[in-house]
Amino acid sequence: MAKFFDTILPAHTKFIEHQKMFFVASAPLSANGHVNVSPKGLDSFRVINPNKVAYMDITGSGNETSAHILENGRITIMFCAFDGAPNIMRLFGQGRTVLPVDEEWAELSAHFSLHPSTRQIIVADVDKVQTSCGFGVPIYEYTGERDQSYKWAENKGEDGLLAYREEKNRVSLDGLPTAMF
């Protein structure tokens, strides 16, 4: 049975900190637009306070979340217990993109060990927390992080990463602008 909360409780934070992976969902306002769900890892998520979370977002082949939250703010973040007691947690809220040139960057980036290809930090103001059973989520054993993203970023170099972002991260799949450019 689902339970709802207005804030992230200490037990919720403990659950979040144990997870190695989470999923981010966003969508454009257009009925013809594409809903996006992205898996995230790399120790990139932080609870800032009971109603504010942030995650370090690394360069990828798209930038859907940034475009969607720039357009309408809506974001959902989901955690699943892949070990231990079954549990699913969803954080519903309004998101925004913080870039390295933004005033907030120094304060927020201090919460993370920045990756060479960190492109932005996504912040969400959480207005609803939902927990549910997670009985259907399989059990998996965590064996470590992949290192391909580090190697890829090192091979690209700073100028190569900027060029890649310029080409791949300016607009969403549906043509919406991102906060980056």
C-alpha atoms as a PDB file:
ATOM      1  CA  MET A   1       0.000   0.000   0.000  1.00  0.00           C
ATOM      2  CA  ALA A   2       1.409   3.386  -1.002  1.00  0.00           C
ATOM      3  CA  LYS A   3       2.093   6.001   1.665  1.00  0.00           C
ATOM      4  CA  PHE A   4       2.529   9.708   1.049  1.00  0.00           C
ATOM      5  CA  PHE A   5       4.623  12.289   2.885  1.00  0.00           C
ATOM      6  CA  ASP A   6       5.129  16.038   2.510  1.00  0.00           C
ATOM      7  CA  THR A   7       8.863  15.846   3.251  1.00  0.00           C
ATOM      8  CA  ILE A   8      11.796  13.471   3.024  1.00  0.00           C
ATOM      9  CA  LEU A   9      12.037  11.868   6.467  1.00  0.00           C
ATOM     10  CA  PRO A  10      15.326  10.688   8.024  1.00  0.00           C
ATOM     11  CA  ALA A  11      14.405   7.044   7.245  1.00  0.00           C
ATOM     12  CA  HIS A  12      13.827   8.041   3.609  1.00  0.00           C
ATOM     13  CA  THR A  13      17.249   9.699   3.460  1.00  0.00           C
ATOM     14  CA  LYS A  14      18.878   6.564   4.857  1.00  0.00           C
ATOM     15  CA  PHE A  15      17.130   4.455   2.190  1.00  0.00           C
ATOM     16  CA  ILE A  16      18.215   6.871  -0.574  1.00  0.00           C
ATOM     17  CA  GLU A  17      21.832   6.888   0.600  1.00  0.00           C
ATOM     18  CA  HIS A  18      21.957   3.083   0.385  1.00  0.00           C
ATOM     19  CA  GLN A  19      20.802   2.946  -3.248  1.00  0.00           C
ATOM     20  CA  LYS A  20      23.382   2.704  -6.027  1.00  0.00           C
ATOM     21  CA  MET A  21      20.969   3.656  -8.788  1.00  0.00           C
ATOM     22  CA  PHE A  22      17.940   5.879  -9.326  1.00  0.00           C
ATOM     23  CA  PHE A  23      15.696   6.883 -12.202  1.00  0.00           C
ATOM     24  CA  VAL A  24      14.661  10.371 -13.324  1.00  0.00           C
ATOM     25  CA  ALA A  25      11.432  10.974 -15.244  1.00  0.00           C
ATOM     26  CA  SER A  26      10.315  14.131 -17.021  1.00  0.00           C
ATOM     27  CA  ALA A  27       8.051  15.032 -19.907  1.00  0.00           C
ATOM     28  CA  PRO A  28       7.261  17.968 -22.164  1.00  0.00           C
ATOM     29  CA  LEU A  29       3.840  19.576 -22.081  1.00  0.00           C
ATOM     30  CA  SER A  30       3.058  18.538 -25.657  1.00  0.00           C
ATOM     31  CA  ALA A  31       0.837  15.466 -25.987  1.00  0.00           C
ATOM     32  CA  ASN A  32       3.080  14.403 -28.871  1.00  0.00           C
ATOM     33  CA  GLY A  33       6.271  14.878 -26.863  1.00  0.00           C
ATOM     34  CA  HIS A  34       8.374  12.022 -25.552  1.00  0.00           C
ATOM     35  CA  VAL A  35       8.369  11.056 -21.873  1.00  0.00           C
ATOM     36  CA  ASN A  36      11.928  10.519 -20.672  1.00  0.00           C
ATOM     37  CA  VAL A  37      13.174   8.088 -18.023  1.00  0.00           C
ATOM     38  CA  SER A  38      16.916   8.060 -17.316  1.00  0.00           C
ATOM     39  CA  PRO A  39      18.881   5.708 -15.058  1.00  0.00           C
ATOM     40  CA  LYS A  40      21.558   7.378 -12.920  1.00  0.00           C
ATOM     41  CA  GLY A  41      24.379   6.121 -10.717  1.00  0.00           C
ATOM     42  CA  LEU A  42      27.975   7.099  -9.837  1.00  0.00           C
ATOM     43  CA  ASP A  43      27.192   8.296  -6.290  1.00  0.00           C
ATOM     44  CA  SER A  44      25.541  11.339  -7.813  1.00  0.00           C
ATOM     45  CA  PHE A  45      22.475  11.981  -5.603  1.00  0.00           C
ATOM     46  CA  ARG A  46      22.191  14.107  -2.459  1.00  0.00           C
ATOM     47  CA  VAL A  47      19.382  15.051  -0.097  1.00  0.00           C
ATOM     48  CA  ILE A  48      20.038  18.740   0.621  1.00  0.00           C
ATOM     49  CA  ASN A  49      17.159  19.211   3.083  1.00  0.00           C
ATOM     50  CA  PRO A  50      13.749  17.559   3.701  1.00  0.00           C
ATOM     51  CA  ASN A  51      12.284  19.231   0.606  1.00  0.00           C
ATOM     52  CA  LYS A  52      15.301  19.710  -1.651  1.00  0.00           C
ATOM     53  CA  VAL A  53      17.445  17.179  -3.500  1.00  0.00           C
ATOM     54  CA  ALA A  54      20.114  17.446  -6.177  1.00  0.00           C
ATOM     55  CA  TYR A  55      21.994  15.169  -8.496  1.00  0.00           C
ATOM     56  CA  MET A  56      25.183  15.600 -10.460  1.00  0.00           C
ATOM     57  CA  ASP A  57      24.354  15.129 -14.126  1.00  0.00           C
ATOM     58  CA  ILE A  58      27.113  13.968 -16.446  1.00  0.00           C
ATOM     59  CA  THR A  59      27.335  14.550 -20.186  1.00  0.00           C
ATOM     60  CA  GLY A  60      25.230  12.108 -22.160  1.00  0.00           C
ATOM     61  CA  SER A  61      23.803  11.623 -25.615  1.00  0.00           C
ATOM     62  CA  GLY A  62      20.782  13.774 -24.780  1.00  0.00           C
ATOM     63  CA  ASN A  63      19.647  16.359 -22.258  1.00  0.00           C
ATOM     64  CA  GLU A  64      15.933  15.676 -21.999  1.00  0.00           C
ATOM     65  CA  THR A  65      15.537  16.397 -18.283  1.00  0.00           C
ATOM     66  CA  SER A  66      17.058  19.856 -18.614  1.00  0.00           C
ATOM     67  CA  ALA A  67      14.764  20.708 -21.545  1.00  0.00           C
ATOM     68  CA  HIS A  68      11.634  19.395 -19.841  1.00  0.00           C
ATOM     69  CA  ILE A  69      12.218  21.148 -16.522  1.00  0.00           C
ATOM     70  CA  LEU A  70      13.123  24.370 -18.322  1.00  0.00           C
ATOM     71  CA  GLU A  71       9.755  24.153 -20.083  1.00  0.00           C
ATOM     72  CA  ASN A  72       7.522  23.058 -17.188  1.00  0.00           C
ATOM     73  CA  GLY A  73       9.522  22.148 -14.076  1.00  0.00           C
ATOM     74  CA  ARG A  74       7.976  18.703 -13.549  1.00  0.00           C
ATOM     75  CA  ILE A  75      10.293  15.957 -12.348  1.00  0.00           C
ATOM     76  CA  THR A  76       9.935  12.580 -10.650  1.00  0.00           C
ATOM     77  CA  ILE A  77      12.853  10.673  -9.145  1.00  0.00           C
ATOM     78  CA  MET A  78      12.439   6.988  -8.283  1.00  0.00           C
ATOM     79  CA  PHE A  79      14.542   4.682  -6.124  1.00  0.00           C
ATOM     80  CA  CYS A  80      14.066   0.891  -5.936  1.00  0.00           C
ATOM     81  CA  ALA A  81      15.543  -1.457  -3.368  1.00  0.00           C
ATOM     82  CA  PHE A  82      17.487  -4.071  -5.319  1.00  0.00           C
ATOM     83  CA  ASP A  83      18.729  -5.643  -2.079  1.00  0.00           C
ATOM     84  CA  GLY A  84      17.383  -5.833   1.466  1.00  0.00           C
ATOM     85  CA  ALA A  85      13.731  -5.184   2.230  1.00  0.00           C
ATOM     86  CA  PRO A  86      11.541  -4.418  -0.800  1.00  0.00           C
ATOM     87  CA  ASN A  87      10.768  -0.738  -1.217  1.00  0.00           C
ATOM     88  CA  ILE A  88      10.107   1.850  -3.916  1.00  0.00           C
ATOM     89  CA  MET A  89      10.310   5.584  -3.280  1.00  0.00           C
ATOM     90  CA  ARG A  90       9.254   8.370  -5.606  1.00  0.00           C
ATOM     91  CA  LEU A  91      10.089  12.030  -5.110  1.00  0.00           C
ATOM     92  CA  PHE A  92       7.724  14.382  -6.953  1.00  0.00           C
ATOM     93  CA  GLY A  93       8.586  18.018  -7.455  1.00  0.00           C
ATOM     94  CA  GLN A  94       9.716  20.959  -9.485  1.00  0.00           C
ATOM     95  CA  GLY A  95      13.194  20.860 -10.973  1.00  0.00           C
ATOM     96  CA  ARG A  96      15.720  23.292 -12.305  1.00  0.00           C
ATOM     97  CA  THR A  97      19.139  23.097 -13.891  1.00  0.00           C
ATOM     98  CA  VAL A  98      22.180  24.660 -12.235  1.00  0.00           C
ATOM     99  CA  LEU A  99      25.165  25.220 -14.534  1.00  0.00           C
ATOM    100  CA  PRO A 100      28.840  25.813 -13.647  1.00  0.00           C
ATOM    101  CA  VAL A 101      28.382  29.515 -14.509  1.00  0.00           C
ATOM    102  CA  ASP A 102      25.468  29.940 -12.073  1.00  0.00           C
ATOM    103  CA  GLU A 103      25.887  31.585  -8.671  1.00  0.00           C
ATOM    104  CA  GLU A 104      24.578  28.469  -6.875  1.00  0.00           C
ATOM    105  CA  TRP A 105      27.153  26.159  -8.486  1.00  0.00           C
ATOM    106  CA  ALA A 106      29.869  26.510  -5.824  1.00  0.00           C
ATOM    107  CA  GLU A 107      27.511  25.681  -2.959  1.00  0.00           C
ATOM    108  CA  LEU A 108      25.808  22.757  -4.713  1.00  0.00           C
ATOM    109  CA  SER A 109      28.885  21.239  -6.360  1.00  0.00           C
ATOM    110  CA  ALA A 110      30.564  21.023  -2.929  1.00  0.00           C
ATOM    111  CA  HIS A 111      28.154  18.140  -2.162  1.00  0.00           C
ATOM    112  CA  PHE A 112      29.696  15.965  -4.905  1.00  0.00           C
ATOM    113  CA  SER A 113      32.964  14.536  -6.150  1.00  0.00           C
ATOM    114  CA  LEU A 114      32.683  16.066  -9.598  1.00  0.00           C
ATOM    115  CA  HIS A 115      33.219  13.793 -12.581  1.00  0.00           C
ATOM    116  CA  PRO A 116      35.330  15.071 -15.514  1.00  0.00           C
ATOM    117  CA  SER A 117      32.180  15.242 -17.638  1.00  0.00           C
ATOM    118  CA  THR A 118      29.834  16.809 -15.077  1.00  0.00           C
ATOM    119  CA  ARG A 119      27.722  19.156 -17.180  1.00  0.00           C
ATOM    120  CA  GLN A 120      25.129  20.412 -14.697  1.00  0.00           C
ATOM    121  CA  ILE A 121      23.393  19.767 -11.395  1.00  0.00           C
ATOM    122  CA  ILE A 122      19.684  19.089 -11.398  1.00  0.00           C
ATOM    123  CA  VAL A 123      17.904  20.404  -8.299  1.00  0.00           C
ATOM    124  CA  ALA A 124      14.383  19.379  -7.320  1.00  0.00           C
ATOM    125  CA  ASP A 125      12.133  21.030  -4.779  1.00  0.00           C
ATOM    126  CA  VAL A 126      10.182  18.028  -3.488  1.00  0.00           C
ATOM    127  CA  ASP A 127       6.508  18.516  -2.629  1.00  0.00           C
ATOM    128  CA  LYS A 128       5.452  14.874  -2.318  1.00  0.00           C
ATOM    129  CA  VAL A 129       7.198  11.645  -1.315  1.00  0.00           C
ATOM    130  CA  GLN A 130       5.596   8.288  -2.051  1.00  0.00           C
ATOM    131  CA  THR A 131       6.717   4.910  -0.752  1.00  0.00           C
ATOM    132  CA  SER A 132       5.315   1.584  -1.905  1.00  0.00           C
ATOM    133  CA  CYS A 133       6.012  -2.108  -1.435  1.00  0.00           C
ATOM    134  CA  GLY A 134       8.452  -2.961  -4.209  1.00  0.00           C
ATOM    135  CA  PHE A 135       7.476  -6.641  -4.048  1.00  0.00           C
ATOM    136  CA  GLY A 136       7.901  -6.969  -7.834  1.00  0.00           C
ATOM    137  CA  VAL A 137      11.423  -5.500  -7.935  1.00  0.00           C
ATOM    138  CA  PRO A 138      14.033  -8.247  -8.396  1.00  0.00           C
ATOM    139  CA  ILE A 139      17.045  -8.689  -6.131  1.00  0.00           C
ATOM    140  CA  TYR A 140      20.393  -7.735  -7.663  1.00  0.00           C
ATOM    141  CA  GLU A 141      23.915  -7.773  -6.323  1.00  0.00           C
ATOM    142  CA  TYR A 142      25.911  -4.555  -6.696  1.00  0.00           C
ATOM    143  CA  THR A 143      29.408  -5.302  -7.983  1.00  0.00           C
ATOM    144  CA  GLY A 144      30.685  -1.807  -8.763  1.00  0.00           C
ATOM    145  CA  GLU A 145      30.513   1.198 -11.045  1.00  0.00           C
ATOM    146  CA  ARG A 146      31.396   1.162 -14.727  1.00  0.00           C
ATOM    147  CA  ASP A 147      34.454   3.211 -15.657  1.00  0.00           C
ATOM    148  CA  GLN A 148      33.588   3.884 -19.314  1.00  0.00           C
ATOM    149  CA  SER A 149      32.212   7.370 -18.653  1.00  0.00           C
ATOM    150  CA  TYR A 150      35.470   8.425 -16.985  1.00  0.00           C
ATOM    151  CA  LYS A 151      37.558   7.041 -19.847  1.00  0.00           C
ATOM    152  CA  TRP A 152      35.270   8.588 -22.459  1.00  0.00           C
ATOM    153  CA  ALA A 153      35.500  12.019 -20.800  1.00  0.00           C
ATOM    154  CA  GLU A 154      39.283  11.818 -20.483  1.00  0.00           C
ATOM    155  CA  ASN A 155      39.611  10.865 -24.162  1.00  0.00           C
ATOM    156  CA  LYS A 156      37.358  13.740 -25.239  1.00  0.00           C
ATOM    157  CA  GLY A 157      39.175  16.317 -23.151  1.00  0.00           C
ATOM    158  CA  GLU A 158      37.650  19.628 -22.077  1.00  0.00           C
ATOM    159  CA  ASP A 159      37.337  21.052 -25.599  1.00  0.00           C
ATOM    160  CA  GLY A 160      35.932  17.786 -26.936  1.00  0.00           C
ATOM    161  CA  LEU A 161      33.317  17.672 -24.171  1.00  0.00           C
ATOM    162  CA  LEU A 162      32.255  21.247 -24.928  1.00  0.00           C
ATOM    163  CA  ALA A 163      31.932  20.444 -28.637  1.00  0.00           C
ATOM    164  CA  TYR A 164      29.964  17.268 -27.861  1.00  0.00           C
ATOM    165  CA  ARG A 165      27.556  19.159 -25.575  1.00  0.00           C
ATOM    166  CA  GLU A 166      27.136  21.844 -28.235  1.00  0.00           C
ATOM    167  CA  GLU A 167      26.173  19.167 -30.766  1.00  0.00           C
ATOM    168  CA  LYS A 168      24.148  16.755 -28.595  1.00  0.00           C
ATOM    169  CA  ASN A 169      22.837  18.696 -25.571  1.00  0.00           C
ATOM    170  CA  ARG A 170      21.364  21.933 -27.001  1.00  0.00           C
ATOM    171  CA  VAL A 171      17.851  20.651 -27.620  1.00  0.00           C
ATOM    172  CA  SER A 172      15.677  17.733 -26.572  1.00  0.00           C
ATOM    173  CA  LEU A 173      14.475  14.906 -28.768  1.00  0.00           C
ATOM    174  CA  ASP A 174      11.362  17.018 -29.405  1.00  0.00           C
ATOM    175  CA  GLY A 175      13.333  20.182 -30.228  1.00  0.00           C
ATOM    176  CA  LEU A 176      12.934  21.944 -26.887  1.00  0.00           C
ATOM    177  CA  PRO A 177      15.900  24.086 -25.763  1.00  0.00           C
ATOM    178  CA  THR A 178      17.930  22.998 -22.746  1.00  0.00           C
ATOM    179  CA  ALA A 179      19.316  25.281 -20.066  1.00  0.00           C
ATOM    180  CA  MET A 180      22.853  24.740 -21.355  1.00  0.00           C
ATOM    181  CA  PHE A 181      22.838  27.048 -24.390  1.00  0.00           C
END
